C-alpha atoms as a PDB file:
ATOM      1  CA  MET A   1     -19.665  21.872  16.648  1.00  0.00           C
ATOM      2  CA  LYS A   2     -17.663  24.940  16.726  1.00  0.00           C
ATOM      3  CA  GLU A   3     -15.531  24.014  19.698  1.00  0.00           C
ATOM      4  CA  PHE A   4     -14.954  20.575  18.057  1.00  0.00           C
ATOM      5  CA  ILE A   5     -13.742  22.299  14.837  1.00  0.00           C
ATOM      6  CA  LYS A   6     -11.483  24.509  17.033  1.00  0.00           C
ATOM      7  CA  GLU A   7      -9.970  21.591  19.028  1.00  0.00           C
ATOM      8  CA  PHE A   8      -9.399  19.545  15.733  1.00  0.00           C
ATOM      9  CA  LEU A   9      -7.718  22.563  14.042  1.00  0.00           C
ATOM     10  CA  LYS A  10      -5.517  23.091  17.307  1.00  0.00           C
ATOM     11  CA  ASN A  11      -4.510  19.497  17.295  1.00  0.00           C
ATOM     12  CA  PHE A  12      -3.319  19.630  13.855  1.00  0.00           C
ATOM     13  CA  LYS A  13      -1.872  23.032  13.820  1.00  0.00           C
ATOM     14  CA  GLY A  14       1.989  23.043  13.062  1.00  0.00           C
ATOM     15  CA  ASN A  15       2.111  19.465  12.001  1.00  0.00           C
ATOM     16  CA  LYS A  16       3.761  20.299   8.707  1.00  0.00           C
ATOM     17  CA  TYR A  17       4.359  16.342   8.003  1.00  0.00           C
ATOM     18  CA  PHE A  18       0.643  15.618   8.301  1.00  0.00           C
ATOM     19  CA  TRP A  19      -0.604  18.478   5.901  1.00  0.00           C
ATOM     20  CA  ALA A  20       2.289  17.935   3.251  1.00  0.00           C
ATOM     21  CA  GLY A  21       1.424  14.123   3.213  1.00  0.00           C
ATOM     22  CA  LEU A  22      -2.255  14.862   2.953  1.00  0.00           C
ATOM     23  CA  ALA A  23      -1.912  17.130   0.159  1.00  0.00           C
ATOM     24  CA  MET A  24       0.391  14.721  -1.755  1.00  0.00           C
ATOM     25  CA  THR A  25      -1.683  11.693  -1.031  1.00  0.00           C
ATOM     26  CA  GLY A  26      -4.950  13.666  -1.753  1.00  0.00           C
ATOM     27  CA  LEU A  27      -3.341  14.478  -5.278  1.00  0.00           C
ATOM     28  CA  VAL A  28      -2.438  10.853  -5.759  1.00  0.00           C
ATOM     29  CA  LEU A  29      -5.997   9.790  -5.059  1.00  0.00           C
ATOM     30  CA  ILE A  30      -7.641  12.241  -7.217  1.00  0.00           C
ATOM     31  CA  LEU A  31      -5.705  11.285 -10.273  1.00  0.00           C
ATOM     32  CA  ALA A  32      -6.345   7.704  -9.204  1.00  0.00           C
ATOM     33  CA  VAL A  33     -10.201   8.390  -9.475  1.00  0.00           C
ATOM     34  CA  VAL A  34     -10.026  10.502 -12.419  1.00  0.00           C
ATOM     35  CA  GLY A  35      -8.045   8.360 -14.224  1.00  0.00           C
ATOM     36  CA  TYR A  36     -10.402   5.563 -13.665  1.00  0.00           C
ATOM     37  CA  PHE A  37     -13.082   7.401 -15.532  1.00  0.00           C
ATOM     38  CA  TRP A  38     -11.440   9.788 -18.040  1.00  0.00           C
ATOM     39  CA  THR A  39      -7.847  10.361 -19.448  1.00  0.00           C
ATOM     40  CA  PRO A  40      -6.843  13.168 -21.967  1.00  0.00           C
ATOM     41  CA  TYR A  41      -5.793  10.177 -24.490  1.00  0.00           C
ATOM     42  CA  SER A  42      -6.517   6.423 -24.733  1.00  0.00           C
ATOM     43  CA  THR A  43      -3.934   4.475 -22.753  1.00  0.00           C
ATOM     44  CA  THR A  44      -3.701   1.916 -25.709  1.00  0.00           C
ATOM     45  CA  GLN A  45      -4.225   4.026 -28.917  1.00  0.00           C
ATOM     46  CA  MET A  46      -0.952   4.069 -30.857  1.00  0.00           C
ATOM     47  CA  SER A  47       0.486   6.749 -33.162  1.00  0.00           C
ATOM     48  CA  ALA A  48       3.668   6.082 -35.256  1.00  0.00           C
ATOM     49  CA  ALA A  49       3.708   9.576 -36.090  1.00  0.00           C
ATOM     50  CA  GLU A  50       3.937  10.826 -32.492  1.00  0.00           C
ATOM     51  CA  ARG A  51       6.760   8.284 -31.142  1.00  0.00           C
ATOM     52  CA  PHE A  52       8.710  10.071 -28.562  1.00  0.00           C
ATOM     53  CA  ASP A  53       7.360  13.656 -28.800  1.00  0.00           C
ATOM     54  CA  ALA A  54       8.869  15.682 -26.026  1.00  0.00           C
ATOM     55  CA  PRO A  55       6.777  17.112 -23.279  1.00  0.00           C
ATOM     56  CA  SER A  56       4.566  19.896 -24.582  1.00  0.00           C
ATOM     57  CA  LEU A  57       1.123  21.441 -24.205  1.00  0.00           C
ATOM     58  CA  ARG A  58      -0.375  18.647 -26.282  1.00  0.00           C
ATOM     59  CA  HIS A  59       1.388  15.785 -24.235  1.00  0.00           C
ATOM     60  CA  LEU A  60       2.425  17.222 -20.934  1.00  0.00           C
ATOM     61  CA  PHE A  61       4.744  14.285 -20.227  1.00  0.00           C
ATOM     62  CA  GLY A  62       5.589  13.386 -23.729  1.00  0.00           C
ATOM     63  CA  THR A  63       4.851  10.118 -25.703  1.00  0.00           C
ATOM     64  CA  ASP A  64       6.402   6.590 -25.473  1.00  0.00           C
ATOM     65  CA  ASN A  65       7.730   4.273 -28.059  1.00  0.00           C
ATOM     66  CA  PHE A  66       4.403   3.585 -29.400  1.00  0.00           C
ATOM     67  CA  GLY A  67       3.076   7.054 -29.576  1.00  0.00           C
ATOM     68  CA  ARG A  68       0.768   6.719 -26.653  1.00  0.00           C
ATOM     69  CA  ASP A  69       0.425   9.808 -24.098  1.00  0.00           C
ATOM     70  CA  ILE A  70       2.474   9.185 -21.031  1.00  0.00           C
ATOM     71  CA  PHE A  71       0.520  11.438 -18.924  1.00  0.00           C
ATOM     72  CA  SER A  72      -2.670   9.383 -19.499  1.00  0.00           C
ATOM     73  CA  ARG A  73      -0.650   6.295 -18.860  1.00  0.00           C
ATOM     74  CA  VAL A  74       0.678   7.662 -15.663  1.00  0.00           C
ATOM     75  CA  MET A  75      -2.832   8.572 -14.489  1.00  0.00           C
ATOM     76  CA  LYS A  76      -3.932   5.108 -15.204  1.00  0.00           C
ATOM     77  CA  GLY A  77      -0.910   3.420 -13.482  1.00  0.00           C
ATOM     78  CA  VAL A  78      -1.274   5.372 -10.444  1.00  0.00           C
ATOM     79  CA  GLY A  79      -4.686   4.151  -9.973  1.00  0.00           C
ATOM     80  CA  THR A  80      -3.568   0.609 -10.764  1.00  0.00           C
ATOM     81  CA  THR A  81      -0.742   0.980  -8.217  1.00  0.00           C
ATOM     82  CA  VAL A  82      -2.973   2.548  -5.567  1.00  0.00           C
ATOM     83  CA  PHE A  83      -5.857  -0.251  -6.075  1.00  0.00           C
ATOM     84  CA  ILE A  84      -3.613  -2.988  -6.020  1.00  0.00           C
ATOM     85  CA  SER A  85      -1.765  -1.727  -2.842  1.00  0.00           C
ATOM     86  CA  VAL A  86      -4.928  -1.145  -1.118  1.00  0.00           C
ATOM     87  CA  LEU A  87      -6.275  -4.717  -1.714  1.00  0.00           C
ATOM     88  CA  VAL A  88      -2.856  -6.018  -0.743  1.00  0.00           C
ATOM     89  CA  VAL A  89      -2.985  -4.170   2.603  1.00  0.00           C
ATOM     90  CA  LEU A  90      -6.841  -4.955   3.160  1.00  0.00           C
ATOM     91  CA  CYS A  91      -6.458  -8.555   2.847  1.00  0.00           C
ATOM     92  CA  SER A  92      -2.935  -8.724   4.627  1.00  0.00           C
ATOM     93  CA  GLY A  93      -4.126  -6.525   7.502  1.00  0.00           C
ATOM     94  CA  ALA A  94      -7.427  -8.279   8.005  1.00  0.00           C
ATOM     95  CA  ALA A  95      -5.735 -11.893   7.969  1.00  0.00           C
ATOM     96  CA  GLY A  96      -3.062 -10.309  10.560  1.00  0.00           C
ATOM     97  CA  ILE A  97      -5.809  -8.911  12.711  1.00  0.00           C
ATOM     98  CA  ILE A  98      -7.653 -12.206  12.935  1.00  0.00           C
ATOM     99  CA  ILE A  99      -4.674 -14.491  13.246  1.00  0.00           C
ATOM    100  CA  GLY A 100      -2.584 -12.317  15.912  1.00  0.00           C
ATOM    101  CA  ALA A 101      -5.944 -11.728  17.940  1.00  0.00           C
ATOM    102  CA  LEU A 102      -6.499 -15.154  18.231  1.00  0.00           C
ATOM    103  CA  THR A 103      -2.920 -16.628  18.790  1.00  0.00           C
ATOM    104  CA  GLY A 104      -2.002 -13.491  21.087  1.00  0.00           C
ATOM    105  CA  TYR A 105      -5.335 -13.713  23.126  1.00  0.00           C
ATOM    106  CA  PHE A 106      -5.585 -17.650  23.620  1.00  0.00           C
ATOM    107  CA  GLY A 107      -1.842 -18.610  23.120  1.00  0.00           C
ATOM    108  CA  GLY A 108      -1.060 -22.349  23.230  1.00  0.00           C
ATOM    109  CA  ILE A 109       0.063 -24.899  20.686  1.00  0.00           C
ATOM    110  CA  VAL A 110      -1.675 -23.198  18.074  1.00  0.00           C
ATOM    111  CA  ASP A 111       0.215 -19.947  18.822  1.00  0.00           C
ATOM    112  CA  GLU A 112       3.579 -21.592  18.682  1.00  0.00           C
ATOM    113  CA  ILE A 113       2.967 -23.156  15.405  1.00  0.00           C
ATOM    114  CA  VAL A 114       1.706 -19.887  13.615  1.00  0.00           C
ATOM    115  CA  MET A 115       4.922 -18.262  15.344  1.00  0.00           C
ATOM    116  CA  ARG A 116       7.095 -20.849  13.815  1.00  0.00           C
ATOM    117  CA  VAL A 117       5.379 -20.238  10.159  1.00  0.00           C
ATOM    118  CA  THR A 118       5.675 -16.563  10.238  1.00  0.00           C
ATOM    119  CA  ASP A 119       9.441 -16.885  11.414  1.00  0.00           C
ATOM    120  CA  ALA A 120       9.839 -19.122   8.327  1.00  0.00           C
ATOM    121  CA  ILE A 121       8.095 -16.633   6.021  1.00  0.00           C
ATOM    122  CA  ASN A 122      10.036 -13.605   7.437  1.00  0.00           C
ATOM    123  CA  GLY A 123      13.305 -15.358   6.974  1.00  0.00           C
ATOM    124  CA  PHE A 124      12.860 -14.970   3.284  1.00  0.00           C
ATOM    125  CA  PRO A 125      13.352 -11.380   1.724  1.00  0.00           C
ATOM    126  CA  SER A 126       9.830 -10.235   1.013  1.00  0.00           C
ATOM    127  CA  ILE A 127      11.007  -9.808  -3.022  1.00  0.00           C
ATOM    128  CA  LEU A 128      12.306 -13.032  -3.188  1.00  0.00           C
ATOM    129  CA  LEU A 129       9.172 -14.807  -1.554  1.00  0.00           C
ATOM    130  CA  GLY A 130       7.005 -12.637  -3.910  1.00  0.00           C
ATOM    131  CA  LEU A 131       8.733 -13.978  -6.847  1.00  0.00           C
ATOM    132  CA  VAL A 132       8.323 -17.558  -5.738  1.00  0.00           C
ATOM    133  CA  MET A 133       4.640 -17.013  -5.147  1.00  0.00           C
ATOM    134  CA  ILE A 134       4.075 -15.370  -8.402  1.00  0.00           C
ATOM    135  CA  THR A 135       6.028 -18.287 -10.060  1.00  0.00           C
ATOM    136  CA  LEU A 136       3.563 -20.715  -8.459  1.00  0.00           C
ATOM    137  CA  LEU A 137       0.371 -18.779  -9.065  1.00  0.00           C
ATOM    138  CA  GLY A 138       1.237 -17.285 -12.368  1.00  0.00           C
ATOM    139  CA  SER A 139       1.524 -13.375 -13.247  1.00  0.00           C
ATOM    140  CA  GLY A 140      -1.447 -11.113 -13.670  1.00  0.00           C
ATOM    141  CA  SER A 141      -2.919  -8.568 -11.137  1.00  0.00           C
ATOM    142  CA  HIS A 142      -5.022 -11.050  -9.331  1.00  0.00           C
ATOM    143  CA  ASN A 143      -2.314 -13.513  -8.467  1.00  0.00           C
ATOM    144  CA  LEU A 144       0.075 -10.396  -8.011  1.00  0.00           C
ATOM    145  CA  ILE A 145      -2.635  -9.413  -4.851  1.00  0.00           C
ATOM    146  CA  VAL A 146      -2.981 -12.689  -3.576  1.00  0.00           C
ATOM    147  CA  SER A 147       0.892 -13.160  -3.458  1.00  0.00           C
ATOM    148  CA  LEU A 148       1.722  -9.841  -1.716  1.00  0.00           C
ATOM    149  CA  ALA A 149      -1.018 -10.318   0.818  1.00  0.00           C
ATOM    150  CA  ILE A 150       0.519 -13.725   1.725  1.00  0.00           C
ATOM    151  CA  VAL A 151       4.031 -12.230   1.807  1.00  0.00           C
ATOM    152  CA  PHE A 152       2.839  -9.182   4.059  1.00  0.00           C
ATOM    153  CA  THR A 153       0.550 -11.131   6.700  1.00  0.00           C
ATOM    154  CA  PRO A 154       3.175 -12.496   8.869  1.00  0.00           C
ATOM    155  CA  SER A 155       4.281  -8.729   9.723  1.00  0.00           C
ATOM    156  CA  TYR A 156       0.812  -7.674  10.594  1.00  0.00           C
ATOM    157  CA  VAL A 157       0.400 -11.195  12.885  1.00  0.00           C
ATOM    158  CA  ARG A 158       3.434 -10.509  14.767  1.00  0.00           C
ATOM    159  CA  ILE A 159       2.345  -6.731  15.489  1.00  0.00           C
ATOM    160  CA  VAL A 160      -1.126  -7.555  16.595  1.00  0.00           C
ATOM    161  CA  ARG A 161      -0.329 -10.680  18.410  1.00  0.00           C
ATOM    162  CA  SER A 162       2.353  -8.639  20.553  1.00  0.00           C
ATOM    163  CA  GLU A 163      -0.247  -6.064  21.439  1.00  0.00           C
ATOM    164  CA  PHE A 164      -2.938  -8.515  22.477  1.00  0.00           C
ATOM    165  CA  ILE A 165      -0.484 -10.329  24.707  1.00  0.00           C
ATOM    166  CA  LYS A 166       0.124  -6.930  26.410  1.00  0.00           C
ATOM    167  CA  LEU A 167      -3.676  -6.269  26.855  1.00  0.00           C
ATOM    168  CA  ARG A 168      -5.162  -9.720  27.410  1.00  0.00           C
ATOM    169  CA  ASP A 169      -4.198  -9.574  31.171  1.00  0.00           C
ATOM    170  CA  ALA A 170      -5.181  -5.938  31.677  1.00  0.00           C
ATOM    171  CA  ASP A 171      -7.396  -5.114  34.507  1.00  0.00           C
ATOM    172  CA  TYR A 172     -10.347  -3.909  32.494  1.00  0.00           C
ATOM    173  CA  ILE A 173     -10.221  -7.184  30.484  1.00  0.00           C
ATOM    174  CA  LYS A 174     -10.249  -9.348  33.743  1.00  0.00           C
ATOM    175  CA  ARG A 175     -13.139  -7.476  34.783  1.00  0.00           C
ATOM    176  CA  ALA A 176     -14.984  -8.108  31.655  1.00  0.00           C
ATOM    177  CA  ARG A 177     -14.316 -11.882  32.047  1.00  0.00           C
ATOM    178  CA  LEU A 178     -15.735 -11.826  35.493  1.00  0.00           C
ATOM    179  CA  MET A 179     -18.805 -10.070  34.230  1.00  0.00           C
ATOM    180  CA  GLY A 180     -19.263 -12.958  31.728  1.00  0.00           C
ATOM    181  CA  VAL A 181     -18.292 -11.408  28.562  1.00  0.00           C
ATOM    182  CA  GLY A 182     -17.577 -13.513  25.688  1.00  0.00           C
ATOM    183  CA  HIS A 183     -14.069 -14.178  24.228  1.00  0.00           C
ATOM    184  CA  LEU A 184     -15.035 -12.643  20.763  1.00  0.00           C
ATOM    185  CA  ARG A 185     -16.799  -9.561  22.320  1.00  0.00           C
ATOM    186  CA  ILE A 186     -13.298  -9.190  24.330  1.00  0.00           C
ATOM    187  CA  LEU A 187     -11.232  -9.638  21.303  1.00  0.00           C
ATOM    188  CA  PHE A 188     -12.738  -7.440  18.936  1.00  0.00           C
ATOM    189  CA  VAL A 189     -14.623  -4.722  21.054  1.00  0.00           C
ATOM    190  CA  HIS A 190     -12.406  -4.209  24.181  1.00  0.00           C
ATOM    191  CA  ILE A 191      -8.968  -4.882  22.904  1.00  0.00           C
ATOM    192  CA  LEU A 192      -8.852  -4.308  19.130  1.00  0.00           C
ATOM    193  CA  PRO A 193      -9.839  -0.550  19.388  1.00  0.00           C
ATOM    194  CA  ASN A 194      -6.882  -0.040  21.650  1.00  0.00           C
ATOM    195  CA  ILE A 195      -4.176  -1.278  19.370  1.00  0.00           C
ATOM    196  CA  PHE A 196      -5.188   0.739  16.207  1.00  0.00           C
ATOM    197  CA  SER A 197      -2.956   3.755  17.089  1.00  0.00           C
ATOM    198  CA  VAL A 198      -0.013   1.056  16.874  1.00  0.00           C
ATOM    199  CA  PHE A 199      -1.567  -0.848  14.010  1.00  0.00           C
ATOM    200  CA  TRP A 200      -2.159   2.183  11.833  1.00  0.00           C
ATOM    201  CA  ALA A 201       1.408   3.170  11.611  1.00  0.00           C
ATOM    202  CA  SER A 202       2.360  -0.411  10.351  1.00  0.00           C
ATOM    203  CA  VAL A 203      -0.666  -0.022   7.802  1.00  0.00           C
ATOM    204  CA  MET A 204       0.942   3.130   6.364  1.00  0.00           C
ATOM    205  CA  ILE A 205       4.424   1.450   6.299  1.00  0.00           C
ATOM    206  CA  GLY A 206       2.895  -1.588   4.882  1.00  0.00           C
ATOM    207  CA  PHE A 207       0.927   0.639   2.089  1.00  0.00           C
ATOM    208  CA  ASN A 208       4.561   2.063   0.992  1.00  0.00           C
ATOM    209  CA  ASN A 209       6.004  -1.568   0.825  1.00  0.00           C
ATOM    210  CA  ALA A 210       3.197  -2.769  -1.217  1.00  0.00           C
ATOM    211  CA  ILE A 211       3.571   0.160  -3.673  1.00  0.00           C
ATOM    212  CA  LEU A 212       7.384  -0.555  -4.111  1.00  0.00           C
ATOM    213  CA  ALA A 213       6.681  -4.301  -4.230  1.00  0.00           C
ATOM    214  CA  GLU A 214       3.881  -3.844  -7.062  1.00  0.00           C
ATOM    215  CA  SER A 215       6.111  -1.435  -8.902  1.00  0.00           C
ATOM    216  CA  GLY A 216       9.116  -4.018  -8.723  1.00  0.00           C
ATOM    217  CA  MET A 217       7.101  -7.011  -9.836  1.00  0.00           C
ATOM    218  CA  SER A 218       5.588  -5.140 -12.760  1.00  0.00           C
ATOM    219  CA  TYR A 219       9.139  -3.718 -13.709  1.00  0.00           C
ATOM    220  CA  LEU A 220      10.280  -7.670 -13.657  1.00  0.00           C
ATOM    221  CA  GLY A 221       7.064  -8.401 -15.816  1.00  0.00           C
ATOM    222  CA  ILE A 222       5.535 -10.649 -13.702  1.00  0.00           C
ATOM    223  CA  GLY A 223       2.881  -8.185 -12.204  1.00  0.00           C
ATOM    224  CA  VAL A 224       0.540  -6.196 -14.094  1.00  0.00           C
ATOM    225  CA  GLN A 225       0.263  -7.471 -17.781  1.00  0.00           C
ATOM    226  CA  PRO A 226      -0.251  -5.261 -20.899  1.00  0.00           C
ATOM    227  CA  PRO A 227      -2.397  -3.372 -22.135  1.00  0.00           C
ATOM    228  CA  ASP A 228      -3.095  -2.357 -18.457  1.00  0.00           C
ATOM    229  CA  ALA A 229      -0.901   0.674 -17.677  1.00  0.00           C
ATOM    230  CA  SER A 230       1.637   0.205 -14.695  1.00  0.00           C
ATOM    231  CA  LEU A 231       4.237   2.584 -13.557  1.00  0.00           C
ATOM    232  CA  GLY A 232       6.563  -0.402 -12.944  1.00  0.00           C
ATOM    233  CA  LYS A 233       6.094  -1.847 -16.395  1.00  0.00           C
ATOM    234  CA  MET A 234       6.475   1.867 -17.931  1.00  0.00           C
ATOM    235  CA  LEU A 235       9.983   2.119 -16.042  1.00  0.00           C
ATOM    236  CA  SER A 236      11.034  -1.442 -17.387  1.00  0.00           C
ATOM    237  CA  ASP A 237       9.830   0.016 -21.079  1.00  0.00           C
ATOM    238  CA  ALA A 238      11.770   3.082 -20.684  1.00  0.00           C
ATOM    239  CA  GLN A 239      15.144   1.712 -19.519  1.00  0.00           C
ATOM    240  CA  GLY A 240      16.192   1.315 -23.130  1.00  0.00           C
ATOM    241  CA  TYR A 241      15.465   5.114 -24.084  1.00  0.00           C
ATOM    242  CA  LEU A 242      17.083   6.969 -21.207  1.00  0.00           C
ATOM    243  CA  ILE A 243      19.248   8.874 -23.307  1.00  0.00           C
ATOM    244  CA  THR A 244      16.983   9.639 -26.465  1.00  0.00           C
ATOM    245  CA  ALA A 245      13.594  10.106 -24.480  1.00  0.00           C
ATOM    246  CA  PRO A 246      14.493  10.743 -20.733  1.00  0.00           C
ATOM    247  CA  TRP A 247      11.021  11.965 -20.112  1.00  0.00           C
ATOM    248  CA  TYR A 248       9.616   8.318 -20.744  1.00  0.00           C
ATOM    249  CA  ALA A 249      11.419   7.171 -17.585  1.00  0.00           C
ATOM    250  CA  LEU A 250      11.182  10.405 -15.426  1.00  0.00           C
ATOM    251  CA  ALA A 251       7.353  10.623 -15.562  1.00  0.00           C
ATOM    252  CA  PRO A 252       6.670   7.023 -14.051  1.00  0.00           C
ATOM    253  CA  GLY A 253       9.716   7.194 -11.729  1.00  0.00           C
ATOM    254  CA  LEU A 254       8.556  10.565 -10.134  1.00  0.00           C
ATOM    255  CA  ALA A 255       5.142   9.347  -9.804  1.00  0.00           C
ATOM    256  CA  ILE A 256       6.345   6.523  -7.718  1.00  0.00           C
ATOM    257  CA  VAL A 257       8.644   8.712  -5.558  1.00  0.00           C
ATOM    258  CA  TRP A 258       5.725  11.169  -5.012  1.00  0.00           C
ATOM    259  CA  ILE A 259       3.482   8.542  -3.899  1.00  0.00           C
ATOM    260  CA  VAL A 260       5.658   6.816  -1.511  1.00  0.00           C
ATOM    261  CA  LEU A 261       7.089  10.216  -0.143  1.00  0.00           C
ATOM    262  CA  GLY A 262       3.483  11.332   0.328  1.00  0.00           C
ATOM    263  CA  PHE A 263       2.286   8.380   2.535  1.00  0.00           C
ATOM    264  CA  SER A 264       5.453   8.557   4.298  1.00  0.00           C
ATOM    265  CA  LEU A 265       4.925  12.101   5.317  1.00  0.00           C
ATOM    266  CA  LEU A 266       1.250  11.331   6.440  1.00  0.00           C
ATOM    267  CA  SER A 267       2.427   8.489   8.313  1.00  0.00           C
ATOM    268  CA  GLU A 268       5.003  10.540  10.082  1.00  0.00           C
ATOM    269  CA  GLY A 269       2.390  13.219  10.719  1.00  0.00           C
ATOM    270  CA  ILE A 270       0.092  10.723  12.316  1.00  0.00           C
ATOM    271  CA  ARG A 271       2.794   9.265  14.497  1.00  0.00           C
ATOM    272  CA  ARG A 272       3.568  12.784  15.866  1.00  0.00           C
ATOM    273  CA  LEU A 273      -0.053  13.345  16.721  1.00  0.00           C
ATOM    274  CA  GLN A 274       0.277  10.302  19.121  1.00  0.00           C
ATOM    275  CA  GLU A 275       2.899  11.321  20.880  1.00  0.00           C
END
């Protein structure tokens, strides 16, 4: 056990990107979990007497135009953003693995059809396509998750498909076929574990894209709906008070930057470990 720990620390020693990203994302996850169970103040309780209070010991990030504590709403907003982004990545990643594995391994006419569909979807800007999907399904958190999952799935399909095409004719796969190993076992036991190093970096990038997409949709008013707290919606509400109450926009804006930067550093750190 001691030798394993020494080897582990040796591999990660000096990887500043990984440790910085881990610290930043760890803080985000702590805020998200704590904010789910407890916040210093209610995120929906309004107080006319405390409208636009500047940051202080009583209200660390100040209050908004309804007198609500911004720090409490940022805690809730971080949890909402992370939760939605995780679900989007899980759904789109799982769909991308299944579709990409089957099309990349078997090929044929189905592969051609799937690739043409993914090309058509990728031909549109993701935000524009997300807006179209939200318009068709309606606003709200559940529809936002479904819409973004559909938008992000094609990118995972292409990555997984290309890796399966590379490995489907590898020598160890040919030997497995000769031994009578079934296709499903070859797909998900012999090939899939060998593509995770490539797939993981795409997941981290996709997580950042999901965060920005969720914030953008909520900013436009078609994502998370009130009274639920959302970083994007807070930015939208704060844009009319940039001069009189700059802290209103600063807190959710910095939270979004912190989350994206943290996961970007963590992704870069993991990439460097694989070199």
